[in-house]
PDB file of N, CA and C in Angstrom:
ATOM      1  N   MET A   1       0.629 -17.721   6.950  1.00  0.00           N
ATOM      2  CA  MET A   1      -0.073 -17.901   5.714  1.00  0.00           C
ATOM      3  C   MET A   1       0.846 -17.548   4.556  1.00  0.00           C
ATOM      4  N   PRO A   2       1.465 -18.505   3.970  1.00  0.00           N
ATOM      5  CA  PRO A   2       2.402 -18.251   2.878  1.00  0.00           C
ATOM      6  C   PRO A   2       1.769 -17.539   1.683  1.00  0.00           C
ATOM      7  N   GLU A   3       0.482 -17.766   1.444  1.00  0.00           N
ATOM      8  CA  GLU A   3      -0.166 -17.135   0.289  1.00  0.00           C
ATOM      9  C   GLU A   3      -0.305 -15.618   0.452  1.00  0.00           C
ATOM     10  N   ALA A   4      -0.198 -15.140   1.683  1.00  0.00           N
ATOM     11  CA  ALA A   4      -0.305 -13.701   1.941  1.00  0.00           C
ATOM     12  C   ALA A   4       1.042 -12.983   1.775  1.00  0.00           C
ATOM     13  N   TRP A   5       2.119 -13.737   1.713  1.00  0.00           N
ATOM     14  CA  TRP A   5       3.443 -13.128   1.679  1.00  0.00           C
ATOM     15  C   TRP A   5       3.640 -12.147   0.524  1.00  0.00           C
ATOM     16  N   PRO A   6       3.205 -12.437  -0.716  1.00  0.00           N
ATOM     17  CA  PRO A   6       3.390 -11.443  -1.786  1.00  0.00           C
ATOM     18  C   PRO A   6       2.715 -10.104  -1.475  1.00  0.00           C
ATOM     19  N   THR A   7       1.539 -10.136  -0.867  1.00  0.00           N
ATOM     20  CA  THR A   7       0.855  -8.890  -0.516  1.00  0.00           C
ATOM     21  C   THR A   7       1.606  -8.151   0.584  1.00  0.00           C
ATOM     22  N   VAL A   8       2.102  -8.874   1.560  1.00  0.00           N
ATOM     23  CA  VAL A   8       2.865  -8.240   2.644  1.00  0.00           C
ATOM     24  C   VAL A   8       4.131  -7.608   2.075  1.00  0.00           C
ATOM     25  N   ARG A   9       4.824  -8.325   1.208  1.00  0.00           N
ATOM     26  CA  ARG A   9       6.031  -7.766   0.581  1.00  0.00           C
ATOM     27  C   ARG A   9       5.692  -6.519  -0.216  1.00  0.00           C
ATOM     28  N   ALA A  10       4.581  -6.565  -0.962  1.00  0.00           N
ATOM     29  CA  ALA A  10       4.165  -5.400  -1.746  1.00  0.00           C
ATOM     30  C   ALA A  10       3.845  -4.227  -0.836  1.00  0.00           C
ATOM     31  N   PHE A  11       3.119  -4.487   0.248  1.00  0.00           N
ATOM     32  CA  PHE A  11       2.753  -3.417   1.172  1.00  0.00           C
ATOM     33  C   PHE A  11       3.992  -2.763   1.767  1.00  0.00           C
ATOM     34  N   LEU A  12       4.960  -3.550   2.138  1.00  0.00           N
ATOM     35  CA  LEU A  12       6.204  -2.999   2.683  1.00  0.00           C
ATOM     36  C   LEU A  12       6.977  -2.229   1.613  1.00  0.00           C
ATOM     37  N   ALA A  13       6.919  -2.715   0.384  1.00  0.00           N
ATOM     38  CA  ALA A  13       7.654  -2.067  -0.699  1.00  0.00           C
ATOM     39  C   ALA A  13       7.073  -0.715  -1.073  1.00  0.00           C
ATOM     40  N   VAL A  14       5.780  -0.528  -0.879  1.00  0.00           N
ATOM     41  CA  VAL A  14       5.135   0.703  -1.332  1.00  0.00           C
ATOM     42  C   VAL A  14       5.016   1.763  -0.245  1.00  0.00           C
ATOM     43  N   GLN A  15       5.656   1.576   0.872  1.00  0.00           N
ATOM     44  CA  GLN A  15       5.533   2.532   1.972  1.00  0.00           C
ATOM     45  C   GLN A  15       6.047   3.925   1.631  1.00  0.00           C
ATOM     46  N   THR A  16       6.832   4.044   0.575  1.00  0.00           N
ATOM     47  CA  THR A  16       7.289   5.369   0.147  1.00  0.00           C
ATOM     48  C   THR A  16       6.333   5.995  -0.862  1.00  0.00           C
ATOM     49  N   GLN A  17       5.226   5.328  -1.137  1.00  0.00           N
ATOM     50  CA  GLN A  17       4.317   5.775  -2.186  1.00  0.00           C
ATOM     51  C   GLN A  17       2.999   6.348  -1.667  1.00  0.00           C
ATOM     52  N   TRP A  18       2.960   6.752  -0.414  1.00  0.00           N
ATOM     53  CA  TRP A  18       1.745   7.372   0.126  1.00  0.00           C
ATOM     54  C   TRP A  18       1.635   8.803  -0.379  1.00  0.00           C
ATOM     55  N   ARG A  19       0.427   9.194  -0.744  1.00  0.00           N
ATOM     56  CA  ARG A  19       0.148  10.602  -0.997  1.00  0.00           C
ATOM     57  C   ARG A  19      -0.166  11.210   0.356  1.00  0.00           C
ATOM     58  N   VAL A  20       0.476  12.325   0.652  1.00  0.00           N
ATOM     59  CA  VAL A  20       0.378  12.934   1.973  1.00  0.00           C
ATOM     60  C   VAL A  20      -0.016  14.399   1.810  1.00  0.00           C
ATOM     61  N   SER A  21      -0.948  14.836   2.655  1.00  0.00           N
ATOM     62  CA  SER A  21      -1.377  16.238   2.625  1.00  0.00           C
ATOM     63  C   SER A  21      -0.270  17.116   3.210  1.00  0.00           C
ATOM     64  N   PRO A  22      -0.355  18.433   3.005  1.00  0.00           N
ATOM     65  CA  PRO A  22       0.664  19.333   3.559  1.00  0.00           C
ATOM     66  C   PRO A  22       0.814  19.238   5.079  1.00  0.00           C
ATOM     67  N   ASN A  23      -0.254  18.823   5.779  1.00  0.00           N
ATOM     68  CA  ASN A  23      -0.146  18.706   7.241  1.00  0.00           C
ATOM     69  C   ASN A  23       0.238  17.293   7.684  1.00  0.00           C
ATOM     70  N   GLY A  24       0.663  16.448   6.743  1.00  0.00           N
ATOM     71  CA  GLY A  24       1.204  15.147   7.079  1.00  0.00           C
ATOM     72  C   GLY A  24       0.208  14.009   7.176  1.00  0.00           C
ATOM     73  N   VAL A  25      -1.036  14.228   6.776  1.00  0.00           N
ATOM     74  CA  VAL A  25      -2.055  13.183   6.831  1.00  0.00           C
ATOM     75  C   VAL A  25      -1.993  12.345   5.549  1.00  0.00           C
ATOM     76  N   ARG A  26      -1.935  11.031   5.716  1.00  0.00           N
ATOM     77  CA  ARG A  26      -1.958  10.146   4.540  1.00  0.00           C
ATOM     78  C   ARG A  26      -3.318  10.250   3.865  1.00  0.00           C
ATOM     79  N   LEU A  27      -3.286  10.355   2.532  1.00  0.00           N
ATOM     80  CA  LEU A  27      -4.512  10.467   1.758  1.00  0.00           C
ATOM     81  C   LEU A  27      -4.834   9.181   1.010  1.00  0.00           C
ATOM     82  N   GLY A  28      -3.828   8.397   0.730  1.00  0.00           N
ATOM     83  CA  GLY A  28      -3.989   7.155  -0.013  1.00  0.00           C
ATOM     84  C   GLY A  28      -2.693   6.838  -0.730  1.00  0.00           C
ATOM     85  N   LEU A  29      -2.643   5.656  -1.294  1.00  0.00           N
ATOM     86  CA  LEU A  29      -1.447   5.263  -2.029  1.00  0.00           C
ATOM     87  C   LEU A  29      -1.459   5.855  -3.429  1.00  0.00           C
ATOM     88  N   ASP A  30      -0.291   6.208  -3.900  1.00  0.00           N
ATOM     89  CA  ASP A  30      -0.117   6.586  -5.295  1.00  0.00           C
ATOM     90  C   ASP A  30       0.056   5.277  -6.058  1.00  0.00           C
ATOM     91  N   TYR A  31      -1.028   4.829  -6.703  1.00  0.00           N
ATOM     92  CA  TYR A  31      -1.016   3.494  -7.290  1.00  0.00           C
ATOM     93  C   TYR A  31      -0.026   3.306  -8.433  1.00  0.00           C
ATOM     94  N   PRO A  32       0.194   4.295  -9.310  1.00  0.00           N
ATOM     95  CA  PRO A  32       1.247   4.092 -10.319  1.00  0.00           C
ATOM     96  C   PRO A  32       2.633   3.894  -9.679  1.00  0.00           C
ATOM     97  N   GLY A  33       2.933   4.690  -8.659  1.00  0.00           N
ATOM     98  CA  GLY A  33       4.211   4.523  -7.961  1.00  0.00           C
ATOM     99  C   GLY A  33       4.282   3.209  -7.218  1.00  0.00           C
ATOM    100  N   ALA A  34       3.173   2.828  -6.596  1.00  0.00           N
ATOM    101  CA  ALA A  34       3.128   1.557  -5.867  1.00  0.00           C
ATOM    102  C   ALA A  34       3.314   0.388  -6.819  1.00  0.00           C
ATOM    103  N   ARG A  35       2.689   0.485  -7.971  1.00  0.00           N
ATOM    104  CA  ARG A  35       2.825  -0.593  -8.958  1.00  0.00           C
ATOM    105  C   ARG A  35       4.283  -0.732  -9.405  1.00  0.00           C
ATOM    106  N   ALA A  36       4.936   0.400  -9.642  1.00  0.00           N
ATOM    107  CA  ALA A  36       6.345   0.367 -10.049  1.00  0.00           C
ATOM    108  C   ALA A  36       7.219  -0.234  -8.955  1.00  0.00           C
ATOM    109  N   ALA A  37       6.942   0.117  -7.694  1.00  0.00           N
ATOM    110  CA  ALA A  37       7.725  -0.427  -6.580  1.00  0.00           C
ATOM    111  C   ALA A  37       7.541  -1.936  -6.484  1.00  0.00           C
ATOM    112  N   ALA A  38       6.298  -2.394  -6.614  1.00  0.00           N
ATOM    113  CA  ALA A  38       6.037  -3.835  -6.554  1.00  0.00           C
ATOM    114  C   ALA A  38       6.693  -4.556  -7.732  1.00  0.00           C
ATOM    115  N   LYS A  39       6.573  -3.968  -8.904  1.00  0.00           N
ATOM    116  CA  LYS A  39       7.169  -4.576 -10.097  1.00  0.00           C
ATOM    117  C   LYS A  39       8.682  -4.704  -9.940  1.00  0.00           C
ATOM    118  N   GLY A  40       9.299  -3.725  -9.304  1.00  0.00           N
ATOM    119  CA  GLY A  40      10.742  -3.764  -9.085  1.00  0.00           C
ATOM    120  C   GLY A  40      11.178  -4.950  -8.244  1.00  0.00           C
ATOM    121  N   LEU A  41      10.277  -5.476  -7.442  1.00  0.00           N
ATOM    122  CA  LEU A  41      10.568  -6.661  -6.632  1.00  0.00           C
ATOM    123  C   LEU A  41      10.097  -7.945  -7.299  1.00  0.00           C
ATOM    124  N   GLY A  42       9.548  -7.816  -8.494  1.00  0.00           N
ATOM    125  CA  GLY A  42       9.054  -8.999  -9.198  1.00  0.00           C
ATOM    126  C   GLY A  42       7.694  -9.475  -8.703  1.00  0.00           C
ATOM    127  N   ILE A  43       6.955  -8.598  -8.027  1.00  0.00           N
ATOM    128  CA  ILE A  43       5.636  -8.951  -7.510  1.00  0.00           C
ATOM    129  C   ILE A  43       4.600  -8.674  -8.591  1.00  0.00           C
ATOM    130  N   GLN A  44       3.734  -9.649  -8.834  1.00  0.00           N
ATOM    131  CA  GLN A  44       2.699  -9.500  -9.853  1.00  0.00           C
ATOM    132  C   GLN A  44       1.568  -8.631  -9.308  1.00  0.00           C
ATOM    133  N   TRP A  45       1.456  -7.438  -9.852  1.00  0.00           N
ATOM    134  CA  TRP A  45       0.519  -6.431  -9.373  1.00  0.00           C
ATOM    135  C   TRP A  45      -0.924  -6.937  -9.332  1.00  0.00           C
ATOM    136  N   LYS A  46      -1.361  -7.616 -10.366  1.00  0.00           N
ATOM    137  CA  LYS A  46      -2.752  -8.082 -10.432  1.00  0.00           C
ATOM    138  C   LYS A  46      -3.071  -9.056  -9.300  1.00  0.00           C
ATOM    139  N   LYS A  47      -2.074  -9.769  -8.828  1.00  0.00           N
ATOM    140  CA  LYS A  47      -2.305 -10.734  -7.751  1.00  0.00           C
ATOM    141  C   LYS A  47      -2.408 -10.077  -6.379  1.00  0.00           C
ATOM    142  N   VAL A  48      -1.825  -8.908  -6.209  1.00  0.00           N
ATOM    143  CA  VAL A  48      -1.800  -8.288  -4.885  1.00  0.00           C
ATOM    144  C   VAL A  48      -2.632  -7.021  -4.776  1.00  0.00           C
ATOM    145  N   PHE A  49      -3.061  -6.461  -5.887  1.00  0.00           N
ATOM    146  CA  PHE A  49      -3.704  -5.150  -5.871  1.00  0.00           C
ATOM    147  C   PHE A  49      -4.929  -5.097  -4.957  1.00  0.00           C
ATOM    148  N   GLY A  50      -5.829  -6.049  -5.050  1.00  0.00           N
ATOM    149  CA  GLY A  50      -7.029  -6.036  -4.219  1.00  0.00           C
ATOM    150  C   GLY A  50      -6.711  -6.064  -2.738  1.00  0.00           C
ATOM    151  N   ASN A  51      -5.831  -6.955  -2.341  1.00  0.00           N
ATOM    152  CA  ASN A  51      -5.457  -7.053  -0.927  1.00  0.00           C
ATOM    153  C   ASN A  51      -4.649  -5.836  -0.471  1.00  0.00           C
ATOM    154  N   LEU A  52      -3.853  -5.294  -1.364  1.00  0.00           N
ATOM    155  CA  LEU A  52      -3.092  -4.084  -1.035  1.00  0.00           C
ATOM    156  C   LEU A  52      -4.037  -2.916  -0.778  1.00  0.00           C
ATOM    157  N   ARG A  53      -5.084  -2.808  -1.574  1.00  0.00           N
ATOM    158  CA  ARG A  53      -6.084  -1.757  -1.352  1.00  0.00           C
ATOM    159  C   ARG A  53      -6.747  -1.918   0.009  1.00  0.00           C
ATOM    160  N   LEU A  54      -7.054  -3.165   0.376  1.00  0.00           N
ATOM    161  CA  LEU A  54      -7.648  -3.409   1.692  1.00  0.00           C
ATOM    162  C   LEU A  54      -6.714  -2.982   2.813  1.00  0.00           C
ATOM    163  N   MET A  55      -5.441  -3.316   2.680  1.00  0.00           N
ATOM    164  CA  MET A  55      -4.476  -2.947   3.716  1.00  0.00           C
ATOM    165  C   MET A  55      -4.340  -1.421   3.804  1.00  0.00           C
ATOM    166  N   ALA A  56      -4.298  -0.755   2.661  1.00  0.00           N
ATOM    167  CA  ALA A  56      -4.182   0.702   2.666  1.00  0.00           C
ATOM    168  C   ALA A  56      -5.418   1.338   3.298  1.00  0.00           C
ATOM    169  N   THR A  57      -6.587   0.785   3.006  1.00  0.00           N
ATOM    170  CA  THR A  57      -7.824   1.292   3.607  1.00  0.00           C
ATOM    171  C   THR A  57      -7.794   1.155   5.115  1.00  0.00           C
ATOM    172  N   GLU A  58      -7.280   0.055   5.620  1.00  0.00           N
ATOM    173  CA  GLU A  58      -7.184  -0.146   7.064  1.00  0.00           C
ATOM    174  C   GLU A  58      -6.226   0.858   7.698  1.00  0.00           C
ATOM    175  N   VAL A  59      -5.130   1.162   7.011  1.00  0.00           N
ATOM    176  CA  VAL A  59      -4.204   2.178   7.524  1.00  0.00           C
ATOM    177  C   VAL A  59      -4.916   3.526   7.616  1.00  0.00           C
ATOM    178  N   LEU A  60      -5.659   3.879   6.578  1.00  0.00           N
ATOM    179  CA  LEU A  60      -6.371   5.156   6.573  1.00  0.00           C
ATOM    180  C   LEU A  60      -7.456   5.181   7.653  1.00  0.00           C
ATOM    181  N   ASN A  61      -8.153   4.072   7.843  1.00  0.00           N
ATOM    182  CA  ASN A  61      -9.161   3.993   8.910  1.00  0.00           C
ATOM    183  C   ASN A  61      -8.534   4.160  10.285  1.00  0.00           C
ATOM    184  N   ALA A  62      -7.415   3.497  10.522  1.00  0.00           N
ATOM    185  CA  ALA A  62      -6.735   3.612  11.813  1.00  0.00           C
ATOM    186  C   ALA A  62      -6.245   5.036  12.021  1.00  0.00           C
ATOM    187  N   GLN A  63      -5.771   5.655  10.958  1.00  0.00           N
ATOM    188  CA  GLN A  63      -5.307   7.036  11.057  1.00  0.00           C
ATOM    189  C   GLN A  63      -6.450   7.963  11.431  1.00  0.00           C
ATOM    190  N   SER A  64      -7.615   7.753  10.855  1.00  0.00           N
ATOM    191  CA  SER A  64      -8.745   8.640  11.142  1.00  0.00           C
ATOM    192  C   SER A  64      -9.257   8.453  12.571  1.00  0.00           C
ATOM    193  N   GLU A  65      -9.076   7.264  13.139  1.00  0.00           N
ATOM    194  CA  GLU A  65      -9.494   7.012  14.512  1.00  0.00           C
ATOM    195  C   GLU A  65      -8.602   7.709  15.522  1.00  0.00           C
ATOM    196  N   THR A  66      -7.352   7.933  15.157  1.00  0.00           N
ATOM    197  CA  THR A  66      -6.415   8.565  16.081  1.00  0.00           C
ATOM    198  C   THR A  66      -6.355  10.073  15.915  1.00  0.00           C
ATOM    199  N   ALA A  67      -7.004  10.572  14.874  1.00  0.00           N
ATOM    200  CA  ALA A  67      -6.952  12.031  14.610  1.00  0.00           C
ATOM    201  C   ALA A  67      -7.923  12.794  15.474  1.00  0.00           C
TER     202      ALA A  67
END
């Protein structure tokens, strides 16, 4: 699905922008940092933000299932 590629690129770009608790549990994305990372790649934030939130939510859901 070529239309999903900008969101996938954004998701990969923001992997350094997770907020993490002291015990290493992901709490969510730091959206200002994520936006800056996406912008650095020329990705239009408004086009990917909704789908990026969905992907981040799925990561958090999967994490809670394994905890």
